[in-house]
Amino acid sequence: MLRQLDRGASKSRVQLPEPEKRNRVHQSSKQSIGRNELQFWTAAINQSLYIAWQKIERQLIIIMSFLVTALWYCRRLYAYLAQLLKWWSRYLHRKFKKNLSVLAEVDLLGYCAREWKGETKQAKQMKAAYKELFWRHHVKYIRPVRRDNYSALRAVLFQIFSQGIYFPPWMRERDILKLPEKLLYSQGCNWIQQYSFGPERYTGPNVFGKLRKCIETLKTQVELFLLGYLLEVKIRVYRLYKFNTEEFQVSYPEEYHRDWQEISLLTEDDHHYHIPIIRIRD
């Protein structure tokens, strides 16, 4: 009985109507064509993407190589420019510092430590002298002055200008070389007659001519005694190499008017002079 039913079912499945068979075949062929088209387009798209990527990859490699090379050159150029700028800055600093007549103020003891590093007898004396200035005379800072034959004149004039000290009336005359006569009669003649400037002594009938010559050549050698009289200022000088002697602190000129302003100088050898800065702290 069961076998008969199976045979009937199989016959019913196999014996389909002709239109239905054609419909199924048509659907199957369409599905097959669709799958083939999908595979074709998928392969085509993959192939196109692969070809495009190969071209883009080459360009990207070229671009990345160019960017890496450019970055390397930029870093080298930046390092070179930085070194050049640093060298130029140091050169200008040295040039500017060399051309300065009076430098900015620096700490007195720090300046001493840089200038006198050894343990020689002279170095110990200078260190003791600087400490004496710092603690007993309240000299806290120093303005270094260019070391040449003009250092005393530069130091004196700098303080006159910076402190607003008026020049004496005779300096407002039109012809400065004719002023020794007026200066002689206004201050007395003893200081000129008795004054010697190197091997030259200002005595005799040609004293004014010699004094004029002295003023003309003042830029080559400066004598603080004459400078104090000419500018009408009291010049106090701390002579460090004379430490622990009566000549450690001297004034030029020794005789001066009470209304004269006072300025200070500092020297280690009586040849080069600097400006001491006095600060009295509370």
C-alpha atoms as a PDB file:
ATOM      1  CA  MET A   1       0.000   0.000   0.000  1.00  0.00           C
ATOM      2  CA  LEU A   2       2.766   2.419   0.970  1.00  0.00           C
ATOM      3  CA  ARG A   3       4.767   1.542  -2.062  1.00  0.00           C
ATOM      4  CA  GLN A   4       1.831   2.302  -4.267  1.00  0.00           C
ATOM      5  CA  LEU A   5       1.407   5.689  -2.635  1.00  0.00           C
ATOM      6  CA  ASP A   6       5.130   6.516  -3.111  1.00  0.00           C
ATOM      7  CA  ARG A   7       4.966   5.575  -6.734  1.00  0.00           C
ATOM      8  CA  GLY A   8       1.898   7.771  -7.173  1.00  0.00           C
ATOM      9  CA  ALA A   9       3.620  10.683  -5.466  1.00  0.00           C
ATOM     10  CA  SER A  10       6.746  10.284  -7.563  1.00  0.00           C
ATOM     11  CA  LYS A  11       4.676  10.140 -10.705  1.00  0.00           C
ATOM     12  CA  SER A  12       2.812  13.237  -9.660  1.00  0.00           C
ATOM     13  CA  ARG A  13       6.141  15.047  -9.090  1.00  0.00           C
ATOM     14  CA  VAL A  14       7.738  13.956 -12.290  1.00  0.00           C
ATOM     15  CA  GLN A  15       4.779  14.480 -14.495  1.00  0.00           C
ATOM     16  CA  LEU A  16       4.538  18.283 -14.265  1.00  0.00           C
ATOM     17  CA  PRO A  17       2.701  20.336 -16.742  1.00  0.00           C
ATOM     18  CA  GLU A  18       4.762  21.569 -19.636  1.00  0.00           C
ATOM     19  CA  PRO A  19       4.274  25.314 -18.943  1.00  0.00           C
ATOM     20  CA  GLU A  20       5.394  24.911 -15.378  1.00  0.00           C
ATOM     21  CA  LYS A  21       8.479  23.080 -16.491  1.00  0.00           C
ATOM     22  CA  ARG A  22       9.380  25.888 -18.884  1.00  0.00           C
ATOM     23  CA  ASN A  23       8.767  28.422 -16.123  1.00  0.00           C
ATOM     24  CA  ARG A  24      11.081  26.667 -13.753  1.00  0.00           C
ATOM     25  CA  VAL A  25      13.771  26.290 -16.384  1.00  0.00           C
ATOM     26  CA  HIS A  26      13.458  29.959 -17.240  1.00  0.00           C
ATOM     27  CA  GLN A  27      13.746  30.978 -13.598  1.00  0.00           C
ATOM     28  CA  SER A  28      16.749  28.734 -13.094  1.00  0.00           C
ATOM     29  CA  SER A  29      18.481  30.159 -16.164  1.00  0.00           C
ATOM     30  CA  LYS A  30      17.764  33.724 -14.975  1.00  0.00           C
ATOM     31  CA  GLN A  31      19.222  32.939 -11.578  1.00  0.00           C
ATOM     32  CA  SER A  32      22.280  31.422 -13.224  1.00  0.00           C
ATOM     33  CA  ILE A  33      22.658  34.437 -15.494  1.00  0.00           C
ATOM     34  CA  GLY A  34      22.255  36.761 -12.500  1.00  0.00           C
ATOM     35  CA  ARG A  35      24.907  34.932 -10.572  1.00  0.00           C
ATOM     36  CA  ASN A  36      27.239  35.029 -13.553  1.00  0.00           C
ATOM     37  CA  GLU A  37      26.638  38.744 -14.060  1.00  0.00           C
ATOM     38  CA  LEU A  38      27.261  39.412 -10.384  1.00  0.00           C
ATOM     39  CA  GLN A  39      30.468  37.424 -10.473  1.00  0.00           C
ATOM     40  CA  PHE A  40      31.509  39.237 -13.662  1.00  0.00           C
ATOM     41  CA  TRP A  41      30.868  42.705 -12.299  1.00  0.00           C
ATOM     42  CA  THR A  42      32.424  41.810  -8.963  1.00  0.00           C
ATOM     43  CA  ALA A  43      35.537  40.587 -10.727  1.00  0.00           C
ATOM     44  CA  ALA A  44      35.549  43.649 -13.002  1.00  0.00           C
ATOM     45  CA  ILE A  45      35.196  46.025 -10.080  1.00  0.00           C
ATOM     46  CA  ASN A  46      37.924  44.213  -8.157  1.00  0.00           C
ATOM     47  CA  GLN A  47      40.169  44.322 -11.196  1.00  0.00           C
ATOM     48  CA  SER A  48      39.510  48.044 -11.697  1.00  0.00           C
ATOM     49  CA  LEU A  49      40.126  48.774  -8.040  1.00  0.00           C
ATOM     50  CA  TYR A  50      43.319  46.752  -8.151  1.00  0.00           C
ATOM     51  CA  ILE A  51      44.586  48.597 -11.234  1.00  0.00           C
ATOM     52  CA  ALA A  52      43.565  51.946  -9.748  1.00  0.00           C
ATOM     53  CA  TRP A  53      45.235  51.106  -6.438  1.00  0.00           C
ATOM     54  CA  GLN A  54      48.432  50.117  -8.225  1.00  0.00           C
ATOM     55  CA  LYS A  55      48.498  53.503  -9.956  1.00  0.00           C
ATOM     56  CA  ILE A  56      47.580  55.372  -6.776  1.00  0.00           C
ATOM     57  CA  GLU A  57      50.091  53.352  -4.781  1.00  0.00           C
ATOM     58  CA  ARG A  58      52.900  54.385  -7.108  1.00  0.00           C
ATOM     59  CA  GLN A  59      51.847  58.005  -6.851  1.00  0.00           C
ATOM     60  CA  LEU A  60      51.510  57.759  -3.080  1.00  0.00           C
ATOM     61  CA  ILE A  61      54.966  56.240  -2.821  1.00  0.00           C
ATOM     62  CA  ILE A  62      56.380  59.051  -4.964  1.00  0.00           C
ATOM     63  CA  ILE A  63      54.513  61.679  -2.952  1.00  0.00           C
ATOM     64  CA  MET A  64      55.554  60.165   0.390  1.00  0.00           C
ATOM     65  CA  SER A  65      59.145  59.914  -0.781  1.00  0.00           C
ATOM     66  CA  PHE A  66      59.027  63.552  -1.860  1.00  0.00           C
ATOM     67  CA  LEU A  67      57.480  64.617   1.466  1.00  0.00           C
ATOM     68  CA  VAL A  68      60.057  62.666   3.484  1.00  0.00           C
ATOM     69  CA  THR A  69      62.881  64.152   1.416  1.00  0.00           C
ATOM     70  CA  ALA A  70      61.424  67.641   1.708  1.00  0.00           C
ATOM     71  CA  LEU A  71      60.995  67.204   5.468  1.00  0.00           C
ATOM     72  CA  TRP A  72      64.596  66.034   5.795  1.00  0.00           C
ATOM     73  CA  TYR A  73      65.852  69.002   3.797  1.00  0.00           C
ATOM     74  CA  CYS A  74      63.638  71.358   5.801  1.00  0.00           C
ATOM     75  CA  ARG A  75      65.049  69.998   9.044  1.00  0.00           C
ATOM     76  CA  ARG A  76      68.584  70.366   7.726  1.00  0.00           C
ATOM     77  CA  LEU A  77      67.811  73.881   6.513  1.00  0.00           C
ATOM     78  CA  TYR A  78      66.200  74.737   9.860  1.00  0.00           C
ATOM     79  CA  ALA A  79      69.238  73.425  11.757  1.00  0.00           C
ATOM     80  CA  TYR A  80      71.567  75.354   9.457  1.00  0.00           C
ATOM     81  CA  LEU A  81      69.555  78.563   9.817  1.00  0.00           C
ATOM     82  CA  ALA A  82      69.406  78.088  13.586  1.00  0.00           C
ATOM     83  CA  GLN A  83      73.177  77.695  13.742  1.00  0.00           C
ATOM     84  CA  LEU A  84      73.642  80.672  11.419  1.00  0.00           C
ATOM     85  CA  LEU A  85      71.283  82.792  13.514  1.00  0.00           C
ATOM     86  CA  LYS A  86      73.025  81.759  16.720  1.00  0.00           C
ATOM     87  CA  TRP A  87      76.436  82.556  15.237  1.00  0.00           C
ATOM     88  CA  TRP A  88      75.201  85.900  13.915  1.00  0.00           C
ATOM     89  CA  SER A  89      73.631  86.733  17.261  1.00  0.00           C
ATOM     90  CA  ARG A  90      76.889  85.960  19.069  1.00  0.00           C
ATOM     91  CA  TYR A  91      78.850  87.965  16.510  1.00  0.00           C
ATOM     92  CA  LEU A  92      76.555  90.976  16.892  1.00  0.00           C
ATOM     93  CA  HIS A  93      76.685  90.612  20.668  1.00  0.00           C
ATOM     94  CA  ARG A  94      80.479  90.576  20.632  1.00  0.00           C
ATOM     95  CA  LYS A  95      80.572  93.414  18.109  1.00  0.00           C
ATOM     96  CA  PHE A  96      78.067  95.467  20.069  1.00  0.00           C
ATOM     97  CA  LYS A  97      79.785  94.701  23.347  1.00  0.00           C
ATOM     98  CA  LYS A  98      83.163  95.557  21.851  1.00  0.00           C
ATOM     99  CA  ASN A  99      81.858  98.876  20.580  1.00  0.00           C
ATOM    100  CA  LEU A 100      80.302  99.806  23.900  1.00  0.00           C
ATOM    101  CA  SER A 101      82.321 102.250  25.928  1.00  0.00           C
ATOM    102  CA  VAL A 102      80.483 101.525  29.173  1.00  0.00           C
ATOM    103  CA  LEU A 103      78.794  98.170  29.775  1.00  0.00           C
ATOM    104  CA  ALA A 104      75.729  97.408  31.856  1.00  0.00           C
ATOM    105  CA  GLU A 105      76.176  97.089  35.586  1.00  0.00           C
ATOM    106  CA  VAL A 106      77.033  93.641  36.963  1.00  0.00           C
ATOM    107  CA  ASP A 107      77.304  92.218  40.448  1.00  0.00           C
ATOM    108  CA  LEU A 108      80.573  93.331  42.045  1.00  0.00           C
ATOM    109  CA  LEU A 109      81.511  90.020  43.692  1.00  0.00           C
ATOM    110  CA  GLY A 110      80.461  88.069  40.605  1.00  0.00           C
ATOM    111  CA  TYR A 111      82.697  90.284  38.488  1.00  0.00           C
ATOM    112  CA  CYS A 112      85.563  89.724  40.916  1.00  0.00           C
ATOM    113  CA  ALA A 113      85.046  85.945  40.794  1.00  0.00           C
ATOM    114  CA  ARG A 114      85.256  85.953  36.988  1.00  0.00           C
ATOM    115  CA  GLU A 115      88.277  88.237  36.802  1.00  0.00           C
ATOM    116  CA  TRP A 116      90.327  86.763  39.655  1.00  0.00           C
ATOM    117  CA  LYS A 117      90.041  82.978  39.738  1.00  0.00           C
ATOM    118  CA  GLY A 118      93.527  82.048  40.869  1.00  0.00           C
ATOM    119  CA  GLU A 119      95.029  81.816  44.327  1.00  0.00           C
ATOM    120  CA  THR A 120      98.055  83.989  43.754  1.00  0.00           C
ATOM    121  CA  LYS A 121      98.992  86.749  46.154  1.00  0.00           C
ATOM    122  CA  GLN A 122      97.653  89.390  43.792  1.00  0.00           C
ATOM    123  CA  ALA A 123      94.382  87.505  43.278  1.00  0.00           C
ATOM    124  CA  LYS A 124      93.859  87.152  47.027  1.00  0.00           C
ATOM    125  CA  GLN A 125      94.552  90.859  47.507  1.00  0.00           C
ATOM    126  CA  MET A 126      92.053  91.786  44.795  1.00  0.00           C
ATOM    127  CA  LYS A 127      89.385  89.491  46.233  1.00  0.00           C
ATOM    128  CA  ALA A 128      89.869  91.034  49.663  1.00  0.00           C
ATOM    129  CA  ALA A 129      89.705  94.531  48.179  1.00  0.00           C
ATOM    130  CA  TYR A 130      86.461  93.771  46.331  1.00  0.00           C
ATOM    131  CA  LYS A 131      84.919  92.336  49.492  1.00  0.00           C
ATOM    132  CA  GLU A 132      85.988  95.477  51.354  1.00  0.00           C
ATOM    133  CA  LEU A 133      84.208  97.592  48.770  1.00  0.00           C
ATOM    134  CA  PHE A 134      81.109  95.418  48.923  1.00  0.00           C
ATOM    135  CA  TRP A 135      80.675  95.284  52.706  1.00  0.00           C
ATOM    136  CA  ARG A 136      82.233  98.520  54.024  1.00  0.00           C
ATOM    137  CA  HIS A 137      81.764 100.960  51.158  1.00  0.00           C
ATOM    138  CA  HIS A 138      78.411  99.613  49.899  1.00  0.00           C
ATOM    139  CA  VAL A 139      79.662  99.152  46.342  1.00  0.00           C
ATOM    140  CA  LYS A 140      77.276  96.431  45.152  1.00  0.00           C
ATOM    141  CA  TYR A 141      77.665  96.679  41.380  1.00  0.00           C
ATOM    142  CA  ILE A 142      80.201  97.746  38.802  1.00  0.00           C
ATOM    143  CA  ARG A 143      79.971  99.110  35.272  1.00  0.00           C
ATOM    144  CA  PRO A 144      82.979  97.854  33.300  1.00  0.00           C
ATOM    145  CA  VAL A 145      84.525 100.426  30.979  1.00  0.00           C
ATOM    146  CA  ARG A 146      86.447  99.650  27.816  1.00  0.00           C
ATOM    147  CA  ARG A 147      90.083  99.050  28.686  1.00  0.00           C
ATOM    148  CA  ASP A 148      92.083 101.681  26.851  1.00  0.00           C
ATOM    149  CA  ASN A 149      93.661 105.078  27.447  1.00  0.00           C
ATOM    150  CA  TYR A 150      90.235 106.723  27.489  1.00  0.00           C
ATOM    151  CA  SER A 151      88.669 104.636  30.259  1.00  0.00           C
ATOM    152  CA  ALA A 152      88.978 107.315  32.974  1.00  0.00           C
ATOM    153  CA  LEU A 153      87.526 110.014  30.724  1.00  0.00           C
ATOM    154  CA  ARG A 154      84.697 107.727  29.625  1.00  0.00           C
ATOM    155  CA  ALA A 155      83.888 106.759  33.206  1.00  0.00           C
ATOM    156  CA  VAL A 156      83.859 110.379  34.369  1.00  0.00           C
ATOM    157  CA  LEU A 157      81.774 111.707  31.480  1.00  0.00           C
ATOM    158  CA  PHE A 158      79.328 108.811  31.718  1.00  0.00           C
ATOM    159  CA  GLN A 159      78.583 109.652  35.349  1.00  0.00           C
ATOM    160  CA  ILE A 160      78.290 113.352  34.591  1.00  0.00           C
ATOM    161  CA  PHE A 161      75.696 112.668  31.896  1.00  0.00           C
ATOM    162  CA  SER A 162      73.824 109.899  33.746  1.00  0.00           C
ATOM    163  CA  GLN A 163      73.618 111.856  37.011  1.00  0.00           C
ATOM    164  CA  GLY A 164      72.656 115.109  35.330  1.00  0.00           C
ATOM    165  CA  ILE A 165      75.688 117.001  36.609  1.00  0.00           C
ATOM    166  CA  TYR A 166      76.052 120.378  34.930  1.00  0.00           C
ATOM    167  CA  PHE A 167      79.234 121.179  33.101  1.00  0.00           C
ATOM    168  CA  PRO A 168      81.158 124.198  34.424  1.00  0.00           C
ATOM    169  CA  PRO A 169      80.408 127.579  32.839  1.00  0.00           C
ATOM    170  CA  TRP A 170      83.699 127.727  30.939  1.00  0.00           C
ATOM    171  CA  MET A 171      82.682 124.683  28.886  1.00  0.00           C
ATOM    172  CA  ARG A 172      79.811 126.655  27.400  1.00  0.00           C
ATOM    173  CA  GLU A 173      82.261 129.035  25.751  1.00  0.00           C
ATOM    174  CA  ARG A 174      82.511 128.870  21.972  1.00  0.00           C
ATOM    175  CA  ASP A 175      86.279 128.422  21.712  1.00  0.00           C
ATOM    176  CA  ILE A 176      87.332 125.888  24.298  1.00  0.00           C
ATOM    177  CA  LEU A 177      91.033 126.309  23.520  1.00  0.00           C
ATOM    178  CA  LYS A 178      90.975 129.916  24.741  1.00  0.00           C
ATOM    179  CA  LEU A 179      89.654 128.989  28.151  1.00  0.00           C
ATOM    180  CA  PRO A 180      92.878 128.151  30.053  1.00  0.00           C
ATOM    181  CA  GLU A 181      93.363 131.855  30.690  1.00  0.00           C
ATOM    182  CA  LYS A 182      89.893 132.207  32.214  1.00  0.00           C
ATOM    183  CA  LEU A 183      90.337 128.974  34.122  1.00  0.00           C
ATOM    184  CA  LEU A 184      93.676 130.210  35.428  1.00  0.00           C
ATOM    185  CA  TYR A 185      92.253 133.414  36.855  1.00  0.00           C
ATOM    186  CA  SER A 186      89.083 131.794  38.177  1.00  0.00           C
ATOM    187  CA  GLN A 187      90.822 128.962  40.037  1.00  0.00           C
ATOM    188  CA  GLY A 188      94.211 130.509  40.790  1.00  0.00           C
ATOM    189  CA  CYS A 189      97.508 129.847  39.096  1.00  0.00           C
ATOM    190  CA  ASN A 190      99.238 127.584  41.623  1.00  0.00           C
ATOM    191  CA  TRP A 191      97.635 124.409  40.353  1.00  0.00           C
ATOM    192  CA  ILE A 192      98.785 125.144  36.773  1.00  0.00           C
ATOM    193  CA  GLN A 193     102.268 126.406  37.618  1.00  0.00           C
ATOM    194  CA  GLN A 194     102.960 123.435  39.857  1.00  0.00           C
ATOM    195  CA  TYR A 195     101.232 120.799  37.753  1.00  0.00           C
ATOM    196  CA  SER A 196     103.261 118.404  35.587  1.00  0.00           C
ATOM    197  CA  PHE A 197     101.790 116.272  32.808  1.00  0.00           C
ATOM    198  CA  GLY A 198     104.250 113.497  32.155  1.00  0.00           C
ATOM    199  CA  PRO A 199     107.646 115.089  31.281  1.00  0.00           C
ATOM    200  CA  GLU A 200     105.989 118.457  30.537  1.00  0.00           C
ATOM    201  CA  ARG A 201     105.927 121.144  33.263  1.00  0.00           C
ATOM    202  CA  TYR A 202     103.574 124.070  32.911  1.00  0.00           C
ATOM    203  CA  THR A 203     105.861 126.947  33.825  1.00  0.00           C
ATOM    204  CA  GLY A 204     107.374 129.862  31.966  1.00  0.00           C
ATOM    205  CA  PRO A 205     105.923 132.340  29.506  1.00  0.00           C
ATOM    206  CA  ASN A 206     104.420 129.667  27.223  1.00  0.00           C
ATOM    207  CA  VAL A 207     102.286 128.028  29.917  1.00  0.00           C
ATOM    208  CA  PHE A 208      99.009 128.698  28.105  1.00  0.00           C
ATOM    209  CA  GLY A 209     100.262 127.261  24.851  1.00  0.00           C
ATOM    210  CA  LYS A 210     101.428 124.133  26.634  1.00  0.00           C
ATOM    211  CA  LEU A 211      98.096 123.828  28.407  1.00  0.00           C
ATOM    212  CA  ARG A 212      96.234 124.182  25.120  1.00  0.00           C
ATOM    213  CA  LYS A 213      98.367 121.385  23.709  1.00  0.00           C
ATOM    214  CA  CYS A 214      97.533 119.308  26.766  1.00  0.00           C
ATOM    215  CA  ILE A 215      93.795 119.791  26.154  1.00  0.00           C
ATOM    216  CA  GLU A 216      94.175 118.906  22.471  1.00  0.00           C
ATOM    217  CA  THR A 217      95.966 115.670  23.361  1.00  0.00           C
ATOM    218  CA  LEU A 218      93.657 114.841  26.267  1.00  0.00           C
ATOM    219  CA  LYS A 219      92.239 111.879  24.292  1.00  0.00           C
ATOM    220  CA  THR A 220      95.631 110.073  24.427  1.00  0.00           C
ATOM    221  CA  GLN A 221      96.290 110.426  28.176  1.00  0.00           C
ATOM    222  CA  VAL A 222      94.048 111.459  31.061  1.00  0.00           C
ATOM    223  CA  GLU A 223      95.204 112.805  34.371  1.00  0.00           C
ATOM    224  CA  LEU A 224      92.489 112.738  37.021  1.00  0.00           C
ATOM    225  CA  PHE A 225      93.872 115.758  38.802  1.00  0.00           C
ATOM    226  CA  LEU A 226      93.498 117.963  35.739  1.00  0.00           C
ATOM    227  CA  LEU A 227      90.218 116.318  34.789  1.00  0.00           C
ATOM    228  CA  GLY A 228      88.691 117.095  38.160  1.00  0.00           C
ATOM    229  CA  TYR A 229      89.669 120.754  37.909  1.00  0.00           C
ATOM    230  CA  LEU A 230      88.502 121.142  34.339  1.00  0.00           C
ATOM    231  CA  LEU A 231      85.099 119.531  34.950  1.00  0.00           C
ATOM    232  CA  GLU A 232      84.813 120.939  38.507  1.00  0.00           C
ATOM    233  CA  VAL A 233      83.994 117.591  40.094  1.00  0.00           C
ATOM    234  CA  LYS A 234      85.482 115.669  42.958  1.00  0.00           C
ATOM    235  CA  ILE A 235      86.708 112.303  41.694  1.00  0.00           C
ATOM    236  CA  ARG A 236      86.911 109.613  44.368  1.00  0.00           C
ATOM    237  CA  VAL A 237      89.050 106.677  43.250  1.00  0.00           C
ATOM    238  CA  TYR A 238      89.170 103.234  44.861  1.00  0.00           C
ATOM    239  CA  ARG A 239      92.627 101.851  44.074  1.00  0.00           C
ATOM    240  CA  LEU A 240      92.334  98.124  44.676  1.00  0.00           C
ATOM    241  CA  TYR A 241      96.018  97.337  44.320  1.00  0.00           C
ATOM    242  CA  LYS A 242      96.621  99.756  47.211  1.00  0.00           C
ATOM    243  CA  PHE A 243      94.369  97.778  49.550  1.00  0.00           C
ATOM    244  CA  ASN A 244      95.235  98.064  53.257  1.00  0.00           C
ATOM    245  CA  THR A 245      97.149 101.294  52.652  1.00  0.00           C
ATOM    246  CA  GLU A 246      96.276 104.968  53.028  1.00  0.00           C
ATOM    247  CA  GLU A 247      96.175 105.273  49.243  1.00  0.00           C
ATOM    248  CA  PHE A 248      93.355 102.749  48.879  1.00  0.00           C
ATOM    249  CA  GLN A 249      90.861 105.608  48.612  1.00  0.00           C
ATOM    250  CA  VAL A 250      91.973 108.969  47.211  1.00  0.00           C
ATOM    251  CA  SER A 251      90.296 112.054  45.798  1.00  0.00           C
ATOM    252  CA  TYR A 252      91.228 114.202  42.805  1.00  0.00           C
ATOM    253  CA  PRO A 253      91.817 117.054  43.274  1.00  0.00           C
ATOM    254  CA  GLU A 254      92.584 117.033  46.944  1.00  0.00           C
ATOM    255  CA  GLU A 255      91.379 120.617  47.288  1.00  0.00           C
ATOM    256  CA  TYR A 256      87.955 121.192  45.817  1.00  0.00           C
ATOM    257  CA  HIS A 257      84.947 123.438  46.259  1.00  0.00           C
ATOM    258  CA  ARG A 258      82.148 122.288  48.501  1.00  0.00           C
ATOM    259  CA  ASP A 259      79.539 122.701  45.791  1.00  0.00           C
ATOM    260  CA  TRP A 260      81.356 120.356  43.404  1.00  0.00           C
ATOM    261  CA  GLN A 261      79.573 117.080  42.710  1.00  0.00           C
ATOM    262  CA  GLU A 262      81.325 113.823  43.555  1.00  0.00           C
ATOM    263  CA  ILE A 263      81.766 110.866  41.246  1.00  0.00           C
ATOM    264  CA  SER A 264      83.583 107.579  41.870  1.00  0.00           C
ATOM    265  CA  LEU A 265      86.005 105.433  39.934  1.00  0.00           C
ATOM    266  CA  LEU A 266      87.501 102.017  40.557  1.00  0.00           C
ATOM    267  CA  THR A 267      90.869 100.849  39.311  1.00  0.00           C
ATOM    268  CA  GLU A 268      93.025  97.789  39.719  1.00  0.00           C
ATOM    269  CA  ASP A 269      96.224  99.268  38.316  1.00  0.00           C
ATOM    270  CA  ASP A 270      95.851 103.061  37.846  1.00  0.00           C
ATOM    271  CA  HIS A 271      95.620 102.501  34.094  1.00  0.00           C
ATOM    272  CA  HIS A 272      92.097 101.241  33.482  1.00  0.00           C
ATOM    273  CA  TYR A 273      89.067 102.558  35.336  1.00  0.00           C
ATOM    274  CA  HIS A 274      85.557 101.267  35.962  1.00  0.00           C
ATOM    275  CA  ILE A 275      82.446 102.755  37.544  1.00  0.00           C
ATOM    276  CA  PRO A 276      81.463 101.518  41.027  1.00  0.00           C
ATOM    277  CA  ILE A 277      77.731 101.533  41.809  1.00  0.00           C
ATOM    278  CA  ILE A 278      76.939 102.312  45.443  1.00  0.00           C
ATOM    279  CA  ARG A 279      73.690 100.899  46.844  1.00  0.00           C
ATOM    280  CA  ILE A 280      72.922 101.394  50.516  1.00  0.00           C
ATOM    281  CA  ARG A 281      70.345  98.784  51.508  1.00  0.00           C
ATOM    282  CA  ASP A 282      67.941  99.254  54.382  1.00  0.00           C
END
